[in-house]
């Protein structure tokens, strides 16, 4: 879309000859903004520079007498808009990635707490049963705790999109 707008603006700009009153060159801000929004700061600056280059080419080819301040007024805004909008988009993307990383860390923390609570509590109850002389009950609780631990770890591995080490399909021991 940005390239199409760029081509249309360029065709109109060159088609109007040396007319400085129309302000057509300011329409280059549209493709520059689109490029900066999708590609970030580097692409925005490149799009702004390309647009500025075409404006300068038009001024030179049509031998338009423009004061250096006129050149600057036509060229600098295009590059500056590409830089500023592209930089803002880069920052938004980085912020979004930081937020996703923070959410993933919070989820991992929650899962670690859950695993810890279930396993530690199960082992503690089994220990108390054994200490109270109820060895069969303690062993049953240990078996349940081991099964729960295996299930939780397997779920975490599946959620992470990874397989246990080895052939790729076996159960976690």
Protein backbone atom coordinates (compact mmCIF):
# COMPACT_ATOMS: atom_id res chain seq x y z
CA UNK A 1 0.00 0.00 0.00
CA UNK A 2 2.81 2.39 0.90
CA UNK A 3 4.55 1.68 -2.41
CA UNK A 4 1.33 2.31 -4.36
CA UNK A 5 0.74 5.62 -2.61
CA UNK A 6 4.37 6.56 -3.18
CA UNK A 7 4.07 5.86 -6.92
CA UNK A 8 0.81 7.83 -7.21
CA UNK A 9 2.20 10.84 -5.34
CA UNK A 10 5.36 10.75 -7.45
CA UNK A 11 3.37 10.58 -10.69
CA UNK A 12 1.17 13.49 -9.62
CA UNK A 13 4.18 15.49 -8.40
CA UNK A 14 6.08 15.08 -11.67
CA UNK A 15 2.91 15.56 -13.71
CA UNK A 16 2.27 18.99 -12.16
CA UNK A 17 5.60 20.35 -13.41
CA UNK A 18 7.25 23.07 -11.39
CA UNK A 19 4.12 24.13 -9.48
CA UNK A 20 5.20 24.85 -5.88
CA UNK A 21 1.77 25.95 -4.68
CA UNK A 22 -0.03 22.61 -4.63
CA UNK A 23 1.86 21.06 -1.70
CA UNK A 24 1.67 17.63 -3.30
CA UNK A 25 5.02 16.63 -1.85
CA UNK A 26 3.52 16.63 1.63
CA UNK A 27 1.46 13.62 0.57
CA UNK A 28 4.68 11.61 0.80
CA UNK A 29 4.06 11.61 4.52
CA UNK A 30 1.37 8.92 3.96
CA UNK A 31 3.65 6.18 2.57
CA UNK A 32 6.37 7.20 5.02
CA UNK A 33 3.94 6.72 7.93
CA UNK A 34 2.73 3.38 6.62
CA UNK A 35 6.29 2.16 6.15
CA UNK A 36 7.35 3.36 9.59
CA UNK A 37 4.31 1.77 11.22
CA UNK A 38 4.95 -1.63 9.70
CA UNK A 39 8.75 -1.63 9.50
CA UNK A 40 9.90 0.47 12.44
CA UNK A 41 12.49 3.20 12.68
CA UNK A 42 14.95 1.94 10.05
CA UNK A 43 12.28 1.39 7.41
CA UNK A 44 10.62 4.70 8.33
CA UNK A 45 13.86 6.61 7.88
CA UNK A 46 14.55 4.82 4.59
CA UNK A 47 11.05 5.63 3.32
CA UNK A 48 11.46 9.24 4.46
CA UNK A 49 14.86 9.42 2.77
CA UNK A 50 13.50 7.91 -0.45
CA UNK A 51 10.62 10.39 -0.47
CA UNK A 52 13.00 13.26 0.27
CA UNK A 53 15.27 12.07 -2.53
CA UNK A 54 12.39 12.09 -5.00
CA UNK A 55 11.42 15.61 -3.88
CA UNK A 56 15.00 16.81 -4.42
CA UNK A 57 15.11 15.02 -7.79
CA UNK A 58 11.89 16.77 -8.81
CA UNK A 59 13.27 20.16 -7.75
CA UNK A 60 16.50 19.58 -9.69
CA UNK A 61 14.89 18.11 -12.84
CA UNK A 62 12.31 20.86 -13.09
CA UNK A 63 14.92 23.47 -12.21
CA UNK A 64 12.70 24.86 -9.49
CA UNK A 65 14.39 27.77 -7.74
CA UNK A 66 14.04 27.01 -4.05
CA UNK A 67 15.89 28.55 -1.15
CA UNK A 68 17.88 26.08 1.00
CA UNK A 69 15.26 26.59 3.69
CA UNK A 70 12.66 25.48 1.13
CA UNK A 71 14.64 22.28 0.55
CA UNK A 72 14.83 21.68 4.29
CA UNK A 73 11.10 22.37 4.72
CA UNK A 74 10.27 19.72 2.12
CA UNK A 75 12.86 17.09 3.08
CA UNK A 76 13.38 17.14 6.86
CA UNK A 77 9.72 16.54 7.87
CA UNK A 78 9.60 13.38 5.78
CA UNK A 79 12.71 11.92 7.37
CA UNK A 80 11.73 13.11 10.85
CA UNK A 81 8.24 11.59 10.61
CA UNK A 82 9.76 8.30 9.44
CA UNK A 83 12.19 8.35 12.35
CA UNK A 84 9.75 9.39 15.07
CA UNK A 85 6.85 7.15 14.10
CA UNK A 86 9.15 4.22 13.37
CA UNK A 87 10.89 4.67 16.72
CA UNK A 88 7.52 4.80 18.50
CA UNK A 89 6.44 1.59 16.77
CA UNK A 90 9.72 -0.11 17.73
CA UNK A 91 9.17 0.93 21.34
CA UNK A 92 5.59 -0.36 21.30
CA UNK A 93 6.76 -3.70 19.91
CA UNK A 94 9.53 -3.98 22.53
CA UNK A 95 7.06 -3.09 25.26
CA UNK A 96 4.65 -5.75 24.04
CA UNK A 97 7.44 -8.36 23.98
CA UNK A 98 8.50 -7.33 27.49
CA UNK A 99 4.89 -7.72 28.65
CA UNK A 100 4.67 -11.19 27.10
CA UNK A 101 7.94 -12.21 28.76
CA UNK A 102 6.70 -10.89 32.11
CA UNK A 103 3.43 -12.82 31.76
CA UNK A 104 5.33 -15.99 30.84
CA UNK A 105 7.61 -15.57 33.87
CA UNK A 106 4.59 -15.04 36.13
CA UNK A 107 2.99 -18.19 34.74
CA UNK A 108 6.19 -20.20 35.27
CA UNK A 109 6.37 -18.88 38.84
CA UNK A 110 2.76 -19.88 39.49
CA UNK A 111 3.38 -23.34 38.06
CA UNK A 112 6.55 -23.77 40.13
CA UNK A 113 4.67 -22.81 43.29
CA UNK A 114 1.92 -25.28 42.43
CA UNK A 115 4.40 -28.10 41.82
CA UNK A 116 6.27 -27.26 45.00
CA UNK A 117 3.11 -27.09 47.10
CA UNK A 118 1.72 -30.38 45.85
CA UNK A 119 4.99 -32.30 46.08
CA UNK A 120 6.25 -30.87 49.37
CA UNK A 121 2.87 -31.24 51.03
CA UNK A 122 2.50 -34.81 49.77
CA UNK A 123 5.96 -35.78 50.98
CA UNK A 124 5.34 -34.10 54.36
CA UNK A 125 2.06 -35.99 54.85
CA UNK A 126 3.76 -39.26 53.85
CA UNK A 127 6.58 -38.59 56.35
CA UNK A 128 4.10 -37.89 59.13
CA UNK A 129 2.24 -41.11 58.31
CA UNK A 130 5.46 -43.12 58.46
CA UNK A 131 6.49 -41.43 61.72
CA UNK A 132 3.05 -42.29 63.16
CA UNK A 133 3.64 -45.95 62.27
CA UNK A 134 1.20 -45.99 59.33
CA UNK A 135 3.79 -47.12 56.79
CA UNK A 136 1.30 -48.48 54.23
CA UNK A 137 -0.56 -45.15 54.21
CA UNK A 138 2.75 -43.26 53.92
CA UNK A 139 3.80 -45.40 50.95
CA UNK A 140 0.39 -44.89 49.29
CA UNK A 141 0.71 -41.11 49.73
CA UNK A 142 4.26 -41.21 48.32
CA UNK A 143 3.01 -43.18 45.29
CA UNK A 144 0.23 -40.61 44.76
CA UNK A 145 2.68 -37.73 45.17
CA UNK A 146 5.08 -39.27 42.64
CA UNK A 147 2.21 -39.77 40.16
CA UNK A 148 1.05 -36.18 40.72
CA UNK A 149 4.61 -34.90 40.24
CA UNK A 150 5.00 -36.87 36.99
CA UNK A 151 1.65 -35.58 35.71
CA UNK A 152 2.47 -31.96 36.56
CA UNK A 153 5.93 -32.11 34.99
CA UNK A 154 4.55 -33.82 31.87
CA UNK A 155 1.88 -31.11 31.55
CA UNK A 156 4.52 -28.41 31.90
CA UNK A 157 6.64 -30.04 29.21
CA UNK A 158 3.67 -30.35 26.85
CA UNK A 159 2.63 -26.74 27.57
CA UNK A 160 6.17 -25.61 26.77
CA UNK A 161 5.96 -27.43 23.43
CA UNK A 162 8.92 -29.66 24.28
CA UNK A 163 9.23 -33.40 24.61
CA UNK A 164 11.07 -35.19 27.41
CA UNK A 165 14.71 -35.98 26.59
CA UNK A 166 15.46 -39.16 24.70
CA UNK A 167 13.45 -40.43 21.74
CA UNK A 168 10.84 -37.71 22.01
CA UNK A 169 7.78 -39.72 23.00
CA UNK A 170 8.48 -41.59 26.23
CA UNK A 171 6.89 -40.75 29.56
CA UNK A 172 8.78 -38.87 32.22
CA UNK A 173 9.98 -41.55 34.69
